Amino acid sequence: MAFERRRRQSNREGDRERSEFDQKVVEVSRVTRVVAGGKRMRFRALVVIGDHKGKVGMGLKKGADVSESVNKAVNAAKKNMITLPLVSETIPHELRVKYKSSSLMLKPAKPGTGVIAGGAVRSVMELAGVKNVVSKMLGSNNKVNNVKAVFAAFVKMKSKAELAQMRK
């Protein structure tokens, strides 16, 4: 009987596919739209997904309930994936990026330093697989703009080979 129970459990676990990306819900907020009959409430979810090996994506979507908005955001994040040129578990060079009112400074760090970053930036860095980095968020405390600033920095980031080719 115990064998049958174990076999049934393994079948149930096999039905759900294991995603290659981990996900982190950075923010869920309730948003309203005023219409003639009153207010319509929806939920907005900001989700970051990553494989801890240099691939990371971000999605910001709205839905009728929290789970719907999170699922939509995960699907959007899978479509907006970025691959980072990591150098020994850190970023290749220092960056300063401004996105709207959020300014962000990222510096590579020596092994053993860890991720020194605020909440929204920390979750993106951990899911991207960056183990050693120093960052500072300046300006806005808006999580959405801070995450978008990190992705703007990732887009500007160049690998060591690209930097050497530009200098030659």
C-alpha atoms as a PDB file:
ATOM      1  CA  MET A   1       0.000   0.000   0.000  1.00  0.00           C
ATOM      2  CA  ALA A   2       2.832   2.401   0.810  1.00  0.00           C
ATOM      3  CA  PHE A   3       4.393   1.570  -2.540  1.00  0.00           C
ATOM      4  CA  GLU A   4       1.166   2.525  -4.375  1.00  0.00           C
ATOM      5  CA  ARG A   5       0.968   5.822  -2.493  1.00  0.00           C
ATOM      6  CA  ARG A   6       4.568   6.672  -3.409  1.00  0.00           C
ATOM      7  CA  ARG A   7       3.941   5.822  -7.036  1.00  0.00           C
ATOM      8  CA  ARG A   8       0.840   8.050  -7.140  1.00  0.00           C
ATOM      9  CA  GLN A   9       2.783  10.953  -5.629  1.00  0.00           C
ATOM     10  CA  SER A  10       5.576  10.598  -8.157  1.00  0.00           C
ATOM     11  CA  ASN A  11       3.041  10.682 -11.009  1.00  0.00           C
ATOM     12  CA  ARG A  12       1.523  13.881  -9.645  1.00  0.00           C
ATOM     13  CA  GLU A  13       4.932  15.508  -9.375  1.00  0.00           C
ATOM     14  CA  GLY A  14       5.761  14.391 -12.916  1.00  0.00           C
ATOM     15  CA  ASP A  15       2.660  16.123 -14.284  1.00  0.00           C
ATOM     16  CA  ARG A  16       4.002  19.533 -13.320  1.00  0.00           C
ATOM     17  CA  GLU A  17       6.986  20.499 -15.417  1.00  0.00           C
ATOM     18  CA  ARG A  18       9.952  22.036 -13.599  1.00  0.00           C
ATOM     19  CA  SER A  19      10.765  25.425 -15.079  1.00  0.00           C
ATOM     20  CA  GLU A  20      14.397  26.168 -15.869  1.00  0.00           C
ATOM     21  CA  PHE A  21      13.914  29.663 -14.414  1.00  0.00           C
ATOM     22  CA  ASP A  22      13.374  30.699 -10.814  1.00  0.00           C
ATOM     23  CA  GLN A  23      10.941  33.550 -10.299  1.00  0.00           C
ATOM     24  CA  LYS A  24      10.643  36.301  -7.730  1.00  0.00           C
ATOM     25  CA  VAL A  25       7.620  38.547  -7.321  1.00  0.00           C
ATOM     26  CA  VAL A  26       9.200  41.938  -6.620  1.00  0.00           C
ATOM     27  CA  GLU A  27       5.966  43.878  -6.170  1.00  0.00           C
ATOM     28  CA  VAL A  28       2.209  43.376  -6.339  1.00  0.00           C
ATOM     29  CA  SER A  29       0.091  46.510  -6.189  1.00  0.00           C
ATOM     30  CA  ARG A  30      -3.620  47.175  -6.379  1.00  0.00           C
ATOM     31  CA  VAL A  31      -4.514  49.647  -9.109  1.00  0.00           C
ATOM     32  CA  THR A  32      -7.910  51.197  -9.811  1.00  0.00           C
ATOM     33  CA  ARG A  33      -9.579  52.695 -12.845  1.00  0.00           C
ATOM     34  CA  VAL A  34     -12.486  55.072 -12.366  1.00  0.00           C
ATOM     35  CA  VAL A  35     -15.451  54.297 -14.623  1.00  0.00           C
ATOM     36  CA  ALA A  36     -19.040  55.562 -14.723  1.00  0.00           C
ATOM     37  CA  GLY A  37     -20.291  52.962 -12.212  1.00  0.00           C
ATOM     38  CA  GLY A  38     -17.443  53.445  -9.714  1.00  0.00           C
ATOM     39  CA  LYS A  39     -13.944  52.011  -9.454  1.00  0.00           C
ATOM     40  CA  ARG A  40     -12.551  48.914 -11.183  1.00  0.00           C
ATOM     41  CA  MET A  41      -9.810  47.215  -9.224  1.00  0.00           C
ATOM     42  CA  ARG A  42      -7.015  45.186 -10.809  1.00  0.00           C
ATOM     43  CA  PHE A  43      -3.626  43.935  -9.637  1.00  0.00           C
ATOM     44  CA  ARG A  44      -0.252  44.803 -11.137  1.00  0.00           C
ATOM     45  CA  ALA A  45       2.642  42.385 -10.666  1.00  0.00           C
ATOM     46  CA  LEU A  46       6.351  42.980 -11.231  1.00  0.00           C
ATOM     47  CA  VAL A  47       8.126  39.633 -11.631  1.00  0.00           C
ATOM     48  CA  VAL A  48      11.794  38.869 -12.299  1.00  0.00           C
ATOM     49  CA  ILE A  49      12.883  35.440 -13.556  1.00  0.00           C
ATOM     50  CA  GLY A  50      16.387  34.050 -13.962  1.00  0.00           C
ATOM     51  CA  ASP A  51      18.447  30.882 -14.227  1.00  0.00           C
ATOM     52  CA  HIS A  52      21.330  31.951 -11.896  1.00  0.00           C
ATOM     53  CA  LYS A  53      23.712  31.550 -14.890  1.00  0.00           C
ATOM     54  CA  GLY A  54      23.456  34.942 -16.594  1.00  0.00           C
ATOM     55  CA  LYS A  55      19.964  34.855 -18.123  1.00  0.00           C
ATOM     56  CA  VAL A  56      17.375  37.141 -16.550  1.00  0.00           C
ATOM     57  CA  GLY A  57      14.025  38.642 -17.577  1.00  0.00           C
ATOM     58  CA  MET A  58      11.450  41.078 -16.221  1.00  0.00           C
ATOM     59  CA  GLY A  59       7.670  41.279 -16.657  1.00  0.00           C
ATOM     60  CA  LEU A  60       5.141  43.886 -15.506  1.00  0.00           C
ATOM     61  CA  LYS A  61       1.503  42.958 -16.128  1.00  0.00           C
ATOM     62  CA  LYS A  62      -1.992  43.568 -14.787  1.00  0.00           C
ATOM     63  CA  GLY A  63      -4.771  41.072 -14.139  1.00  0.00           C
ATOM     64  CA  ALA A  64      -8.138  40.629 -12.433  1.00  0.00           C
ATOM     65  CA  ASP A  65      -6.551  38.802  -9.496  1.00  0.00           C
ATOM     66  CA  VAL A  66      -3.028  38.415  -8.109  1.00  0.00           C
ATOM     67  CA  SER A  67      -2.329  34.954  -9.540  1.00  0.00           C
ATOM     68  CA  GLU A  68      -3.472  35.987 -13.028  1.00  0.00           C
ATOM     69  CA  SER A  69      -1.265  39.077 -12.999  1.00  0.00           C
ATOM     70  CA  VAL A  70       1.739  37.068 -11.757  1.00  0.00           C
ATOM     71  CA  ASN A  71       1.248  34.432 -14.489  1.00  0.00           C
ATOM     72  CA  LYS A  72       0.985  37.136 -17.157  1.00  0.00           C
ATOM     73  CA  ALA A  73       4.114  38.827 -15.814  1.00  0.00           C
ATOM     74  CA  VAL A  74       6.071  35.534 -15.843  1.00  0.00           C
ATOM     75  CA  ASN A  75       5.100  34.944 -19.477  1.00  0.00           C
ATOM     76  CA  ALA A  76       6.134  38.516 -20.360  1.00  0.00           C
ATOM     77  CA  ALA A  77       9.443  38.023 -18.516  1.00  0.00           C
ATOM     78  CA  LYS A  78      10.197  34.892 -20.557  1.00  0.00           C
ATOM     79  CA  LYS A  79       9.838  37.000 -23.713  1.00  0.00           C
ATOM     80  CA  ASN A  80      12.155  39.760 -22.366  1.00  0.00           C
ATOM     81  CA  MET A  81      15.230  37.697 -21.513  1.00  0.00           C
ATOM     82  CA  ILE A  82      18.719  39.233 -21.399  1.00  0.00           C
ATOM     83  CA  THR A  83      22.013  37.307 -21.276  1.00  0.00           C
ATOM     84  CA  LEU A  84      24.745  38.873 -19.153  1.00  0.00           C
ATOM     85  CA  PRO A  85      28.481  38.697 -19.858  1.00  0.00           C
ATOM     86  CA  LEU A  86      29.500  37.569 -16.352  1.00  0.00           C
ATOM     87  CA  VAL A  87      33.185  37.486 -15.394  1.00  0.00           C
ATOM     88  CA  SER A  88      33.933  35.157 -12.445  1.00  0.00           C
ATOM     89  CA  GLU A  89      30.468  35.653 -10.923  1.00  0.00           C
ATOM     90  CA  THR A  90      30.534  39.453 -11.142  1.00  0.00           C
ATOM     91  CA  ILE A  91      29.874  42.134 -13.755  1.00  0.00           C
ATOM     92  CA  PRO A  92      32.704  43.010 -16.183  1.00  0.00           C
ATOM     93  CA  HIS A  93      32.908  46.761 -15.491  1.00  0.00           C
ATOM     94  CA  GLU A  94      31.453  49.661 -13.499  1.00  0.00           C
ATOM     95  CA  LEU A  95      28.201  51.213 -14.727  1.00  0.00           C
ATOM     96  CA  ARG A  96      26.153  54.289 -13.930  1.00  0.00           C
ATOM     97  CA  VAL A  97      22.656  54.347 -15.399  1.00  0.00           C
ATOM     98  CA  LYS A  98      19.733  56.728 -15.143  1.00  0.00           C
ATOM     99  CA  TYR A  99      16.211  55.522 -15.960  1.00  0.00           C
ATOM    100  CA  LYS A 100      13.539  58.208 -15.461  1.00  0.00           C
ATOM    101  CA  SER A 101      14.108  59.448 -11.888  1.00  0.00           C
ATOM    102  CA  SER A 102      16.070  56.383 -10.739  1.00  0.00           C
ATOM    103  CA  SER A 103      19.848  56.448 -10.858  1.00  0.00           C
ATOM    104  CA  LEU A 104      21.838  53.290 -10.336  1.00  0.00           C
ATOM    105  CA  MET A 105      25.527  52.630  -9.768  1.00  0.00           C
ATOM    106  CA  LEU A 106      26.915  49.099 -10.207  1.00  0.00           C
ATOM    107  CA  LYS A 107      30.496  48.070  -9.425  1.00  0.00           C
ATOM    108  CA  PRO A 108      32.185  44.694  -9.824  1.00  0.00           C
ATOM    109  CA  ALA A 109      33.409  43.194  -6.549  1.00  0.00           C
ATOM    110  CA  LYS A 110      36.028  40.680  -5.453  1.00  0.00           C
ATOM    111  CA  PRO A 111      34.971  37.083  -4.726  1.00  0.00           C
ATOM    112  CA  GLY A 112      33.495  36.744  -1.246  1.00  0.00           C
ATOM    113  CA  THR A 113      31.957  40.222  -1.193  1.00  0.00           C
ATOM    114  CA  GLY A 114      28.394  39.059  -1.901  1.00  0.00           C
ATOM    115  CA  VAL A 115      25.515  41.064  -3.295  1.00  0.00           C
ATOM    116  CA  ILE A 116      25.484  44.484  -1.676  1.00  0.00           C
ATOM    117  CA  ALA A 117      22.278  45.941  -3.084  1.00  0.00           C
ATOM    118  CA  GLY A 118      18.845  47.202  -2.103  1.00  0.00           C
ATOM    119  CA  GLY A 119      15.687  45.085  -2.319  1.00  0.00           C
ATOM    120  CA  ALA A 120      14.644  45.419  -5.959  1.00  0.00           C
ATOM    121  CA  VAL A 121      18.205  45.369  -7.332  1.00  0.00           C
ATOM    122  CA  ARG A 122      19.190  42.471  -5.043  1.00  0.00           C
ATOM    123  CA  SER A 123      16.460  40.170  -6.380  1.00  0.00           C
ATOM    124  CA  VAL A 124      17.496  40.870 -10.000  1.00  0.00           C
ATOM    125  CA  MET A 125      21.193  40.274  -9.246  1.00  0.00           C
ATOM    126  CA  GLU A 126      20.575  37.010  -7.391  1.00  0.00           C
ATOM    127  CA  LEU A 127      18.366  35.606 -10.159  1.00  0.00           C
ATOM    128  CA  ALA A 128      20.890  36.701 -12.801  1.00  0.00           C
ATOM    129  CA  GLY A 129      23.636  34.740 -11.063  1.00  0.00           C
ATOM    130  CA  VAL A 130      25.743  37.748 -10.063  1.00  0.00           C
ATOM    131  CA  LYS A 131      27.325  36.660  -6.770  1.00  0.00           C
ATOM    132  CA  ASN A 132      29.643  39.624  -6.078  1.00  0.00           C
ATOM    133  CA  VAL A 133      28.537  43.186  -6.817  1.00  0.00           C
ATOM    134  CA  VAL A 134      28.254  46.528  -5.072  1.00  0.00           C
ATOM    135  CA  SER A 135      25.337  48.755  -6.027  1.00  0.00           C
ATOM    136  CA  LYS A 136      23.685  51.954  -4.932  1.00  0.00           C
ATOM    137  CA  MET A 137      20.205  53.169  -5.863  1.00  0.00           C
ATOM    138  CA  LEU A 138      19.977  56.937  -6.004  1.00  0.00           C
ATOM    139  CA  GLY A 139      16.958  59.123  -6.612  1.00  0.00           C
ATOM    140  CA  SER A 140      13.671  57.277  -6.699  1.00  0.00           C
ATOM    141  CA  ASN A 141      12.482  54.473  -4.408  1.00  0.00           C
ATOM    142  CA  ASN A 142      10.082  53.245  -7.110  1.00  0.00           C
ATOM    143  CA  LYS A 143      10.684  49.486  -7.450  1.00  0.00           C
ATOM    144  CA  VAL A 144       9.498  49.348 -11.066  1.00  0.00           C
ATOM    145  CA  ASN A 145      11.869  52.117 -12.192  1.00  0.00           C
ATOM    146  CA  ASN A 146      14.757  50.656 -10.179  1.00  0.00           C
ATOM    147  CA  VAL A 147      14.328  47.219 -11.781  1.00  0.00           C
ATOM    148  CA  LYS A 148      14.071  48.840 -15.224  1.00  0.00           C
ATOM    149  CA  ALA A 149      17.271  50.783 -14.443  1.00  0.00           C
ATOM    150  CA  VAL A 150      19.049  47.481 -13.685  1.00  0.00           C
ATOM    151  CA  PHE A 151      17.896  46.092 -17.030  1.00  0.00           C
ATOM    152  CA  ALA A 152      19.024  49.282 -18.791  1.00  0.00           C
ATOM    153  CA  ALA A 153      22.443  48.729 -17.171  1.00  0.00           C
ATOM    154  CA  PHE A 154      22.482  45.101 -18.326  1.00  0.00           C
ATOM    155  CA  VAL A 155      21.765  46.195 -21.906  1.00  0.00           C
ATOM    156  CA  LYS A 156      24.671  48.681 -21.792  1.00  0.00           C
ATOM    157  CA  MET A 157      27.022  46.087 -20.293  1.00  0.00           C
ATOM    158  CA  LYS A 158      29.764  44.821 -22.585  1.00  0.00           C
ATOM    159  CA  SER A 159      31.953  41.734 -22.234  1.00  0.00           C
ATOM    160  CA  LYS A 160      35.745  41.953 -21.880  1.00  0.00           C
ATOM    161  CA  ALA A 161      36.170  40.907 -25.535  1.00  0.00           C
ATOM    162  CA  GLU A 162      33.790  43.626 -26.758  1.00  0.00           C
ATOM    163  CA  LEU A 163      35.610  46.261 -24.691  1.00  0.00           C
ATOM    164  CA  ALA A 164      39.013  45.156 -26.063  1.00  0.00           C
ATOM    165  CA  GLN A 165      37.672  45.249 -29.632  1.00  0.00           C
ATOM    166  CA  MET A 166      36.281  48.768 -29.145  1.00  0.00           C
ATOM    167  CA  ARG A 167      39.642  50.025 -27.869  1.00  0.00           C
ATOM    168  CA  LYS A 168      41.627  48.605 -30.799  1.00  0.00           C
END
